[in-house]
Amino acid sequence: MPARNMTPQQALEHLMEGNKRFVADTPSHPNQNSKHRSTLTDHQHPYATLFGCADSRVAAEMIFDVGLGEMFVVRTAGQVTDALTIGSLEYGASNLGTPLLIVLGHDS
């Protein structure tokens, strides 16, 4: 289903399916080849905006088993927000039209 047509619930279900693959150690690594990358040169249509920590051990694209262009990811150390962070999150929702905003936390 194209990202522009996803409901928030469908976007969340898609991410949860990817996370199940990650946990089961059976990732499919979708949409990461050169052919797909070439489709992203002029536009992006992610179905989720994700705000997460800049921790190098937690790559959102990997833990949700998504490919390039599927999520608009904003990362800061300790998930601290400022005007730039808020502006980036607003860009994902308003300009890119993502139907879902995820705030991803983790522990050590």
PDB file of N, CA and C in Angstrom:
ATOM      1  N   MET A   1       0.849  -1.182   0.000  1.00  0.00           N
ATOM      2  CA  MET A   1       0.000   0.000   0.000  1.00  0.00           C
ATOM      3  C   MET A   1       0.892   1.242   0.000  1.00  0.00           C
ATOM      4  N   PRO A   2       0.627   2.197  -0.892  1.00  0.00           N
ATOM      5  CA  PRO A   2       1.421   3.419  -0.909  1.00  0.00           C
ATOM      6  C   PRO A   2       1.311   4.174   0.409  1.00  0.00           C
ATOM      7  N   ALA A   3       2.395   4.798   0.813  1.00  0.00           N
ATOM      8  CA  ALA A   3       2.444   5.489   2.101  1.00  0.00           C
ATOM      9  C   ALA A   3       1.373   6.566   2.216  1.00  0.00           C
ATOM     10  N   ARG A   4       1.096   7.257   1.150  1.00  0.00           N
ATOM     11  CA  ARG A   4       0.119   8.348   1.208  1.00  0.00           C
ATOM     12  C   ARG A   4      -1.287   7.850   1.532  1.00  0.00           C
ATOM     13  N   ASN A   5      -1.556   6.597   1.300  1.00  0.00           N
ATOM     14  CA  ASN A   5      -2.890   6.057   1.544  1.00  0.00           C
ATOM     15  C   ASN A   5      -3.003   5.306   2.862  1.00  0.00           C
ATOM     16  N   MET A   6      -1.930   5.236   3.633  1.00  0.00           N
ATOM     17  CA  MET A   6      -1.972   4.490   4.890  1.00  0.00           C
ATOM     18  C   MET A   6      -2.668   5.287   5.984  1.00  0.00           C
ATOM     19  N   THR A   7      -3.447   4.573   6.778  1.00  0.00           N
ATOM     20  CA  THR A   7      -3.993   5.170   7.992  1.00  0.00           C
ATOM     21  C   THR A   7      -2.933   5.049   9.083  1.00  0.00           C
ATOM     22  N   PRO A   8      -3.074   5.798  10.180  1.00  0.00           N
ATOM     23  CA  PRO A   8      -2.126   5.622  11.281  1.00  0.00           C
ATOM     24  C   PRO A   8      -2.072   4.170  11.767  1.00  0.00           C
ATOM     25  N   GLN A   9      -3.216   3.507  11.844  1.00  0.00           N
ATOM     26  CA  GLN A   9      -3.255   2.117  12.302  1.00  0.00           C
ATOM     27  C   GLN A   9      -2.510   1.195  11.342  1.00  0.00           C
ATOM     28  N   GLN A  10      -2.690   1.392  10.049  1.00  0.00           N
ATOM     29  CA  GLN A  10      -1.989   0.558   9.069  1.00  0.00           C
ATOM     30  C   GLN A  10      -0.478   0.784   9.135  1.00  0.00           C
ATOM     31  N   ALA A  11      -0.070   2.033   9.316  1.00  0.00           N
ATOM     32  CA  ALA A  11       1.358   2.336   9.435  1.00  0.00           C
ATOM     33  C   ALA A  11       1.945   1.658  10.669  1.00  0.00           C
ATOM     34  N   LEU A  12       1.230   1.730  11.783  1.00  0.00           N
ATOM     35  CA  LEU A  12       1.699   1.089  13.012  1.00  0.00           C
ATOM     36  C   LEU A  12       1.785  -0.423  12.839  1.00  0.00           C
ATOM     37  N   GLU A  13       0.782  -1.021  12.226  1.00  0.00           N
ATOM     38  CA  GLU A  13       0.798  -2.468  11.996  1.00  0.00           C
ATOM     39  C   GLU A  13       1.982  -2.869  11.122  1.00  0.00           C
ATOM     40  N   HIS A  14       2.280  -2.068  10.108  1.00  0.00           N
ATOM     41  CA  HIS A  14       3.415  -2.352   9.227  1.00  0.00           C
ATOM     42  C   HIS A  14       4.728  -2.318  10.022  1.00  0.00           C
ATOM     43  N   LEU A  15       4.875  -1.323  10.883  1.00  0.00           N
ATOM     44  CA  LEU A  15       6.081  -1.233  11.709  1.00  0.00           C
ATOM     45  C   LEU A  15       6.169  -2.394  12.698  1.00  0.00           C
ATOM     46  N   MET A  16       5.054  -2.774  13.274  1.00  0.00           N
ATOM     47  CA  MET A  16       5.059  -3.881  14.238  1.00  0.00           C
ATOM     48  C   MET A  16       5.406  -5.206  13.558  1.00  0.00           C
ATOM     49  N   GLU A  17       4.939  -5.403  12.327  1.00  0.00           N
ATOM     50  CA  GLU A  17       5.310  -6.609  11.576  1.00  0.00           C
ATOM     51  C   GLU A  17       6.815  -6.645  11.341  1.00  0.00           C
ATOM     52  N   GLY A  18       7.379  -5.498  10.984  1.00  0.00           N
ATOM     53  CA  GLY A  18       8.825  -5.421  10.793  1.00  0.00           C
ATOM     54  C   GLY A  18       9.584  -5.682  12.077  1.00  0.00           C
ATOM     55  N   ASN A  19       9.054  -5.177  13.196  1.00  0.00           N
ATOM     56  CA  ASN A  19       9.715  -5.411  14.474  1.00  0.00           C
ATOM     57  C   ASN A  19       9.668  -6.887  14.850  1.00  0.00           C
ATOM     58  N   LYS A  20       8.584  -7.561  14.525  1.00  0.00           N
ATOM     59  CA  LYS A  20       8.511  -9.007  14.783  1.00  0.00           C
ATOM     60  C   LYS A  20       9.585  -9.749  13.993  1.00  0.00           C
ATOM     61  N   ARG A  21       9.812  -9.337  12.744  1.00  0.00           N
ATOM     62  CA  ARG A  21      10.878  -9.962  11.948  1.00  0.00           C
ATOM     63  C   ARG A  21      12.244  -9.694  12.574  1.00  0.00           C
ATOM     64  N   PHE A  22      12.464  -8.476  13.048  1.00  0.00           N
ATOM     65  CA  PHE A  22      13.731  -8.123  13.687  1.00  0.00           C
ATOM     66  C   PHE A  22      13.960  -8.977  14.932  1.00  0.00           C
ATOM     67  N   VAL A  23      12.948  -9.090  15.779  1.00  0.00           N
ATOM     68  CA  VAL A  23      13.062  -9.871  17.016  1.00  0.00           C
ATOM     69  C   VAL A  23      13.308 -11.342  16.703  1.00  0.00           C
ATOM     70  N   ALA A  24      12.669 -11.849  15.656  1.00  0.00           N
ATOM     71  CA  ALA A  24      12.832 -13.254  15.267  1.00  0.00           C
ATOM     72  C   ALA A  24      14.129 -13.493  14.491  1.00  0.00           C
ATOM     73  N   ASP A  25      14.894 -12.441  14.258  1.00  0.00           N
ATOM     74  CA  ASP A  25      16.146 -12.511  13.497  1.00  0.00           C
ATOM     75  C   ASP A  25      15.909 -13.008  12.072  1.00  0.00           C
ATOM     76  N   THR A  26      14.784 -12.556  11.485  1.00  0.00           N
ATOM     77  CA  THR A  26      14.459 -12.895  10.096  1.00  0.00           C
ATOM     78  C   THR A  26      14.113 -11.633   9.300  1.00  0.00           C
ATOM     79  N   PRO A  27      14.976 -10.624   9.340  1.00  0.00           N
ATOM     80  CA  PRO A  27      14.647  -9.386   8.630  1.00  0.00           C
ATOM     81  C   PRO A  27      14.642  -9.589   7.121  1.00  0.00           C
ATOM     82  N   SER A  28      13.816  -8.818   6.440  1.00  0.00           N
ATOM     83  CA  SER A  28      13.756  -8.926   4.982  1.00  0.00           C
ATOM     84  C   SER A  28      14.532  -7.803   4.294  1.00  0.00           C
ATOM     85  N   HIS A  29      14.945  -6.790   5.043  1.00  0.00           N
ATOM     86  CA  HIS A  29      15.699  -5.650   4.495  1.00  0.00           C
ATOM     87  C   HIS A  29      15.041  -5.111   3.224  1.00  0.00           C
ATOM     88  N   PRO A  30      13.789  -4.675   3.304  1.00  0.00           N
ATOM     89  CA  PRO A  30      13.081  -4.227   2.101  1.00  0.00           C
ATOM     90  C   PRO A  30      13.582  -2.874   1.591  1.00  0.00           C
ATOM     91  N   ASN A  31      13.408  -2.655   0.322  1.00  0.00           N
ATOM     92  CA  ASN A  31      13.632  -1.348  -0.296  1.00  0.00           C
ATOM     93  C   ASN A  31      14.989  -0.723   0.014  1.00  0.00           C
ATOM     94  N   GLN A  32      16.036  -1.526  -0.088  1.00  0.00           N
ATOM     95  CA  GLN A  32      17.374  -1.007   0.171  1.00  0.00           C
ATOM     96  C   GLN A  32      18.302  -1.155  -1.033  1.00  0.00           C
ATOM     97  N   ASN A  33      17.774  -1.563  -2.168  1.00  0.00           N
ATOM     98  CA  ASN A  33      18.621  -1.767  -3.345  1.00  0.00           C
ATOM     99  C   ASN A  33      18.737  -0.490  -4.181  1.00  0.00           C
ATOM    100  N   SER A  34      19.632  -0.501  -5.144  1.00  0.00           N
ATOM    101  CA  SER A  34      19.883   0.696  -5.951  1.00  0.00           C
ATOM    102  C   SER A  34      18.668   1.101  -6.784  1.00  0.00           C
ATOM    103  N   LYS A  35      17.895   0.138  -7.247  1.00  0.00           N
ATOM    104  CA  LYS A  35      16.699   0.469  -8.027  1.00  0.00           C
ATOM    105  C   LYS A  35      15.724   1.289  -7.182  1.00  0.00           C
ATOM    106  N   HIS A  36      15.500   0.858  -5.943  1.00  0.00           N
ATOM    107  CA  HIS A  36      14.590   1.605  -5.069  1.00  0.00           C
ATOM    108  C   HIS A  36      15.175   2.972  -4.719  1.00  0.00           C
ATOM    109  N   ARG A  37      16.470   3.021  -4.450  1.00  0.00           N
ATOM    110  CA  ARG A  37      17.108   4.303  -4.116  1.00  0.00           C
ATOM    111  C   ARG A  37      16.898   5.323  -5.227  1.00  0.00           C
ATOM    112  N   SER A  38      16.944   4.876  -6.460  1.00  0.00           N
ATOM    113  CA  SER A  38      16.778   5.806  -7.582  1.00  0.00           C
ATOM    114  C   SER A  38      15.372   6.402  -7.635  1.00  0.00           C
ATOM    115  N   THR A  39      14.379   5.723  -7.060  1.00  0.00           N
ATOM    116  CA  THR A  39      13.016   6.263  -7.046  1.00  0.00           C
ATOM    117  C   THR A  39      12.855   7.365  -6.011  1.00  0.00           C
ATOM    118  N   LEU A  40      13.827   7.513  -5.125  1.00  0.00           N
ATOM    119  CA  LEU A  40      13.728   8.491  -4.042  1.00  0.00           C
ATOM    120  C   LEU A  40      14.448   9.800  -4.337  1.00  0.00           C
ATOM    121  N   THR A  41      15.064   9.925  -5.493  1.00  0.00           N
ATOM    122  CA  THR A  41      15.883  11.110  -5.761  1.00  0.00           C
ATOM    123  C   THR A  41      15.076  12.403  -5.821  1.00  0.00           C
ATOM    124  N   ASP A  42      13.846  12.352  -6.276  1.00  0.00           N
ATOM    125  CA  ASP A  42      13.043  13.567  -6.417  1.00  0.00           C
ATOM    126  C   ASP A  42      11.992  13.767  -5.331  1.00  0.00           C
ATOM    127  N   HIS A  43      11.732  12.771  -4.537  1.00  0.00           N
ATOM    128  CA  HIS A  43      10.657  12.878  -3.547  1.00  0.00           C
ATOM    129  C   HIS A  43      10.810  11.810  -2.470  1.00  0.00           C
ATOM    130  N   GLN A  44      10.069  12.012  -1.395  1.00  0.00           N
ATOM    131  CA  GLN A  44       9.969  10.978  -0.368  1.00  0.00           C
ATOM    132  C   GLN A  44       8.540  10.972   0.157  1.00  0.00           C
ATOM    133  N   HIS A  45       8.047   9.789   0.458  1.00  0.00           N
ATOM    134  CA  HIS A  45       6.687   9.638   0.973  1.00  0.00           C
ATOM    135  C   HIS A  45       6.688   8.638   2.134  1.00  0.00           C
ATOM    136  N   PRO A  46       7.353   8.965   3.232  1.00  0.00           N
ATOM    137  CA  PRO A  46       7.370   8.038   4.365  1.00  0.00           C
ATOM    138  C   PRO A  46       5.983   7.928   5.000  1.00  0.00           C
ATOM    139  N   TYR A  47       5.726   6.804   5.647  1.00  0.00           N
ATOM    140  CA  TYR A  47       4.432   6.613   6.298  1.00  0.00           C
ATOM    141  C   TYR A  47       4.514   6.798   7.801  1.00  0.00           C
ATOM    142  N   ALA A  48       5.690   7.113   8.317  1.00  0.00           N
ATOM    143  CA  ALA A  48       5.831   7.349   9.755  1.00  0.00           C
ATOM    144  C   ALA A  48       6.956   8.342  10.002  1.00  0.00           C
ATOM    145  N   THR A  49       6.746   9.186  11.007  1.00  0.00           N
ATOM    146  CA  THR A  49       7.809  10.024  11.542  1.00  0.00           C
ATOM    147  C   THR A  49       8.185   9.407  12.871  1.00  0.00           C
ATOM    148  N   LEU A  50       9.476   9.226  13.091  1.00  0.00           N
ATOM    149  CA  LEU A  50       9.938   8.593  14.320  1.00  0.00           C
ATOM    150  C   LEU A  50      10.918   9.515  15.026  1.00  0.00           C
ATOM    151  N   PHE A  51      10.692   9.732  16.319  1.00  0.00           N
ATOM    152  CA  PHE A  51      11.604  10.503  17.157  1.00  0.00           C
ATOM    153  C   PHE A  51      12.268   9.526  18.109  1.00  0.00           C
ATOM    154  N   GLY A  52      13.585   9.430  18.011  1.00  0.00           N
ATOM    155  CA  GLY A  52      14.307   8.476  18.841  1.00  0.00           C
ATOM    156  C   GLY A  52      15.636   9.019  19.315  1.00  0.00           C
ATOM    157  N   CYS A  53      16.304   8.217  20.070  1.00  0.00           N
ATOM    158  CA  CYS A  53      17.599   8.562  20.638  1.00  0.00           C
ATOM    159  C   CYS A  53      18.696   8.376  19.588  1.00  0.00           C
ATOM    160  N   ALA A  54      19.742   9.166  19.717  1.00  0.00           N
ATOM    161  CA  ALA A  54      20.879   9.081  18.796  1.00  0.00           C
ATOM    162  C   ALA A  54      21.818   7.929  19.137  1.00  0.00           C
ATOM    163  N   ASP A  55      21.479   7.120  20.099  1.00  0.00           N
ATOM    164  CA  ASP A  55      22.296   5.980  20.520  1.00  0.00           C
ATOM    165  C   ASP A  55      22.629   5.103  19.316  1.00  0.00           C
ATOM    166  N   SER A  56      23.898   4.817  19.134  1.00  0.00           N
ATOM    167  CA  SER A  56      24.338   4.041  17.966  1.00  0.00           C
ATOM    168  C   SER A  56      23.861   2.594  17.994  1.00  0.00           C
ATOM    169  N   ARG A  57      23.358   2.135  19.121  1.00  0.00           N
ATOM    170  CA  ARG A  57      22.898   0.747  19.230  1.00  0.00           C
ATOM    171  C   ARG A  57      21.444   0.571  18.830  1.00  0.00           C
ATOM    172  N   VAL A  58      20.749   1.670  18.547  1.00  0.00           N
ATOM    173  CA  VAL A  58      19.318   1.611  18.270  1.00  0.00           C
ATOM    174  C   VAL A  58      19.025   2.306  16.939  1.00  0.00           C
ATOM    175  N   ALA A  59      19.119   1.568  15.854  1.00  0.00           N
ATOM    176  CA  ALA A  59      18.803   2.114  14.530  1.00  0.00           C
ATOM    177  C   ALA A  59      17.357   1.772  14.193  1.00  0.00           C
ATOM    178  N   ALA A  60      16.526   2.786  14.130  1.00  0.00           N
ATOM    179  CA  ALA A  60      15.090   2.577  13.938  1.00  0.00           C
ATOM    180  C   ALA A  60      14.774   1.781  12.678  1.00  0.00           C
ATOM    181  N   GLU A  61      15.479   2.069  11.595  1.00  0.00           N
ATOM    182  CA  GLU A  61      15.215   1.355  10.343  1.00  0.00           C
ATOM    183  C   GLU A  61      15.471  -0.145  10.489  1.00  0.00           C
ATOM    184  N   MET A  62      16.436  -0.496  11.326  1.00  0.00           N
ATOM    185  CA  MET A  62      16.728  -1.920  11.527  1.00  0.00           C
ATOM    186  C   MET A  62      15.705  -2.583  12.439  1.00  0.00           C
ATOM    187  N   ILE A  63      15.357  -1.937  13.554  1.00  0.00           N
ATOM    188  CA  ILE A  63      14.458  -2.606  14.500  1.00  0.00           C
ATOM    189  C   ILE A  63      13.026  -2.691  13.988  1.00  0.00           C
ATOM    190  N   PHE A  64      12.701  -1.896  12.964  1.00  0.00           N
ATOM    191  CA  PHE A  64      11.385  -2.011  12.338  1.00  0.00           C
ATOM    192  C   PHE A  64      11.473  -2.648  10.954  1.00  0.00           C
ATOM    193  N   ASP A  65      12.675  -3.062  10.547  1.00  0.00           N
ATOM    194  CA  ASP A  65      12.903  -3.743   9.268  1.00  0.00           C
ATOM    195  C   ASP A  65      12.228  -3.010   8.111  1.00  0.00           C
ATOM    196  N   VAL A  66      12.547  -1.740   7.984  1.00  0.00           N
ATOM    197  CA  VAL A  66      12.005  -0.935   6.893  1.00  0.00           C
ATOM    198  C   VAL A  66      13.134  -0.472   5.987  1.00  0.00           C
ATOM    199  N   GLY A  67      12.758  -0.055   4.810  1.00  0.00           N
ATOM    200  CA  GLY A  67      13.744   0.392   3.840  1.00  0.00           C
ATOM    201  C   GLY A  67      13.844   1.895   3.751  1.00  0.00           C
ATOM    202  N   LEU A  68      14.659   2.321   2.814  1.00  0.00           N
ATOM    203  CA  LEU A  68      14.869   3.744   2.587  1.00  0.00           C
ATOM    204  C   LEU A  68      13.568   4.413   2.163  1.00  0.00           C
ATOM    205  N   GLY A  69      13.306   5.574   2.724  1.00  0.00           N
ATOM    206  CA  GLY A  69      12.126   6.338   2.351  1.00  0.00           C
ATOM    207  C   GLY A  69      10.849   5.955   3.064  1.00  0.00           C
ATOM    208  N   GLU A  70      10.892   4.957   3.937  1.00  0.00           N
ATOM    209  CA  GLU A  70       9.671   4.511   4.606  1.00  0.00           C
ATOM    210  C   GLU A  70       9.391   5.252   5.908  1.00  0.00           C
ATOM    211  N   MET A  71      10.449   5.724   6.575  1.00  0.00           N
ATOM    212  CA  MET A  71      10.297   6.470   7.823  1.00  0.00           C
ATOM    213  C   MET A  71      11.111   7.753   7.751  1.00  0.00           C
ATOM    214  N   PHE A  72      10.561   8.820   8.310  1.00  0.00           N
ATOM    215  CA  PHE A  72      11.298  10.065   8.483  1.00  0.00           C
ATOM    216  C   PHE A  72      11.772  10.053   9.929  1.00  0.00           C
ATOM    217  N   VAL A  73      13.082   9.935  10.123  1.00  0.00           N
ATOM    218  CA  VAL A  73      13.637   9.702  11.461  1.00  0.00           C
ATOM    219  C   VAL A  73      14.354  10.942  11.974  1.00  0.00           C
ATOM    220  N   VAL A  74      14.003  11.334  13.203  1.00  0.00           N
ATOM    221  CA  VAL A  74      14.642  12.447  13.900  1.00  0.00           C
ATOM    222  C   VAL A  74      15.273  11.869  15.159  1.00  0.00           C
ATOM    223  N   ARG A  75      16.579  12.095  15.326  1.00  0.00           N
ATOM    224  CA  ARG A  75      17.282  11.517  16.478  1.00  0.00           C
ATOM    225  C   ARG A  75      18.053  12.597  17.223  1.00  0.00           C
ATOM    226  N   THR A  76      17.984  12.554  18.537  1.00  0.00           N
ATOM    227  CA  THR A  76      18.787  13.436  19.380  1.00  0.00           C
ATOM    228  C   THR A  76      19.322  12.626  20.553  1.00  0.00           C
ATOM    229  N   ALA A  77      20.402  13.096  21.130  1.00  0.00           N
ATOM    230  CA  ALA A  77      20.941  12.432  22.317  1.00  0.00           C
ATOM    231  C   ALA A  77      19.957  12.604  23.467  1.00  0.00           C
ATOM    232  N   GLY A  78      19.548  11.500  24.034  1.00  0.00           N
ATOM    233  CA  GLY A  78      18.622  11.532  25.160  1.00  0.00           C
ATOM    234  C   GLY A  78      17.221  11.991  24.818  1.00  0.00           C
ATOM    235  N   GLN A  79      16.898  12.027  23.548  1.00  0.00           N
ATOM    236  CA  GLN A  79      15.579  12.471  23.082  1.00  0.00           C
ATOM    237  C   GLN A  79      15.208  13.838  23.654  1.00  0.00           C
ATOM    238  N   VAL A  80      16.180  14.727  23.682  1.00  0.00           N
ATOM    239  CA  VAL A  80      15.967  16.094  24.143  1.00  0.00           C
ATOM    240  C   VAL A  80      15.409  16.902  22.980  1.00  0.00           C
ATOM    241  N   THR A  81      14.379  17.681  23.253  1.00  0.00           N
ATOM    242  CA  THR A  81      13.779  18.476  22.187  1.00  0.00           C
ATOM    243  C   THR A  81      14.189  19.940  22.291  1.00  0.00           C
ATOM    244  N   ASP A  82      14.282  20.562  21.149  1.00  0.00           N
ATOM    245  CA  ASP A  82      14.489  21.999  21.038  1.00  0.00           C
ATOM    246  C   ASP A  82      13.720  22.453  19.803  1.00  0.00           C
ATOM    247  N   ALA A  83      13.866  23.705  19.435  1.00  0.00           N
ATOM    248  CA  ALA A  83      13.105  24.232  18.297  1.00  0.00           C
ATOM    249  C   ALA A  83      13.432  23.494  16.999  1.00  0.00           C
ATOM    250  N   LEU A  84      14.691  23.124  16.809  1.00  0.00           N
ATOM    251  CA  LEU A  84      15.070  22.403  15.591  1.00  0.00           C
ATOM    252  C   LEU A  84      14.443  21.014  15.541  1.00  0.00           C
ATOM    253  N   THR A  85      14.430  20.343  16.678  1.00  0.00           N
ATOM    254  CA  THR A  85      13.831  19.009  16.746  1.00  0.00           C
ATOM    255  C   THR A  85      12.334  19.084  16.476  1.00  0.00           C
ATOM    256  N   ILE A  86      11.666  20.006  17.150  1.00  0.00           N
ATOM    257  CA  ILE A  86      10.224  20.166  16.947  1.00  0.00           C
ATOM    258  C   ILE A  86       9.938  20.519  15.486  1.00  0.00           C
ATOM    259  N   GLY A  87      10.758  21.395  14.915  1.00  0.00           N
ATOM    260  CA  GLY A  87      10.583  21.757  13.510  1.00  0.00           C
ATOM    261  C   GLY A  87      10.719  20.560  12.587  1.00  0.00           C
ATOM    262  N   SER A  88      11.664  19.688  12.881  1.00  0.00           N
ATOM    263  CA  SER A  88      11.844  18.481  12.068  1.00  0.00           C
ATOM    264  C   SER A  88      10.648  17.550  12.192  1.00  0.00           C
ATOM    265  N   LEU A  89      10.134  17.387  13.403  1.00  0.00           N
ATOM    266  CA  LEU A  89       8.960  16.534  13.606  1.00  0.00           C
ATOM    267  C   LEU A  89       7.738  17.121  12.895  1.00  0.00           C
ATOM    268  N   GLU A  90       7.594  18.438  12.972  1.00  0.00           N
ATOM    269  CA  GLU A  90       6.490  19.092  12.264  1.00  0.00           C
ATOM    270  C   GLU A  90       6.631  18.928  10.754  1.00  0.00           C
ATOM    271  N   TYR A  91       7.854  18.986  10.255  1.00  0.00           N
ATOM    272  CA  TYR A  91       8.095  18.794   8.824  1.00  0.00           C
ATOM    273  C   TYR A  91       7.611  17.409   8.391  1.00  0.00           C
ATOM    274  N   GLY A  92       7.928  16.394   9.190  1.00  0.00           N
ATOM    275  CA  GLY A  92       7.481  15.041   8.864  1.00  0.00           C
ATOM    276  C   GLY A  92       5.972  14.943   8.770  1.00  0.00           C
ATOM    277  N   ALA A  93       5.301  15.540   9.745  1.00  0.00           N
ATOM    278  CA  ALA A  93       3.839  15.466   9.766  1.00  0.00           C
ATOM    279  C   ALA A  93       3.199  16.375   8.723  1.00  0.00           C
ATOM    280  N   SER A  94       3.632  17.625   8.675  1.00  0.00           N
ATOM    281  CA  SER A  94       2.972  18.609   7.813  1.00  0.00           C
ATOM    282  C   SER A  94       3.421  18.550   6.358  1.00  0.00           C
ATOM    283  N   ASN A  95       4.710  18.576   6.127  1.00  0.00           N
ATOM    284  CA  ASN A  95       5.207  18.632   4.752  1.00  0.00           C
ATOM    285  C   ASN A  95       5.225  17.270   4.069  1.00  0.00           C
ATOM    286  N   LEU A  96       5.624  16.250   4.816  1.00  0.00           N
ATOM    287  CA  LEU A  96       5.689  14.913   4.223  1.00  0.00           C
ATOM    288  C   LEU A  96       4.378  14.151   4.371  1.00  0.00           C
ATOM    289  N   GLY A  97       3.512  14.610   5.253  1.00  0.00           N
ATOM    290  CA  GLY A  97       2.198  14.002   5.407  1.00  0.00           C
ATOM    291  C   GLY A  97       2.193  12.634   6.061  1.00  0.00           C
ATOM    292  N   THR A  98       3.161  12.364   6.934  1.00  0.00           N
ATOM    293  CA  THR A  98       3.171  11.050   7.585  1.00  0.00           C
ATOM    294  C   THR A  98       1.963  10.931   8.515  1.00  0.00           C
ATOM    295  N   PRO A  99       1.241   9.824   8.442  1.00  0.00           N
ATOM    296  CA  PRO A  99       0.054   9.662   9.274  1.00  0.00           C
ATOM    297  C   PRO A  99       0.354   9.225  10.709  1.00  0.00           C
ATOM    298  N   LEU A 100       1.610   8.881  10.997  1.00  0.00           N
ATOM    299  CA  LEU A 100       1.940   8.313  12.304  1.00  0.00           C
ATOM    300  C   LEU A 100       3.203   8.958  12.853  1.00  0.00           C
ATOM    301  N   LEU A 101       3.168   9.327  14.142  1.00  0.00           N
ATOM    302  CA  LEU A 101       4.345   9.811  14.857  1.00  0.00           C
ATOM    303  C   LEU A 101       4.656   8.820  15.966  1.00  0.00           C
ATOM    304  N   ILE A 102       5.864   8.286  15.937  1.00  0.00           N
ATOM    305  CA  ILE A 102       6.321   7.336  16.952  1.00  0.00           C
ATOM    306  C   ILE A 102       7.391   8.012  17.788  1.00  0.00           C
ATOM    307  N   VAL A 103       7.300   7.902  19.107  1.00  0.00           N
ATOM    308  CA  VAL A 103       8.375   8.317  20.003  1.00  0.00           C
ATOM    309  C   VAL A 103       8.967   7.028  20.547  1.00  0.00           C
ATOM    310  N   LEU A 104      10.209   6.767  20.170  1.00  0.00           N
ATOM    311  CA  LEU A 104      10.858   5.502  20.508  1.00  0.00           C
ATOM    312  C   LEU A 104      11.813   5.700  21.670  1.00  0.00           C
ATOM    313  N   GLY A 105      11.541   5.032  22.761  1.00  0.00           N
ATOM    314  CA  GLY A 105      12.429   5.070  23.915  1.00  0.00           C
ATOM    315  C   GLY A 105      13.127   3.733  24.076  1.00  0.00           C
ATOM    316  N   HIS A 106      14.145   3.732  24.900  1.00  0.00           N
ATOM    317  CA  HIS A 106      14.846   2.482  25.192  1.00  0.00           C
ATOM    318  C   HIS A 106      15.522   2.604  26.541  1.00  0.00           C
ATOM    319  N   ASP A 107      15.954   1.477  27.054  1.00  0.00           N
ATOM    320  CA  ASP A 107      16.753   1.502  28.275  1.00  0.00           C
ATOM    321  C   ASP A 107      18.153   1.044  27.915  1.00  0.00           C
ATOM    322  N   SER A 108      19.008   0.955  28.895  1.00  0.00           N
ATOM    323  CA  SER A 108      20.391   0.595  28.590  1.00  0.00           C
ATOM    324  C   SER A 108      20.475  -0.825  28.083  1.00  0.00           C
TER     325      SER A 108
END
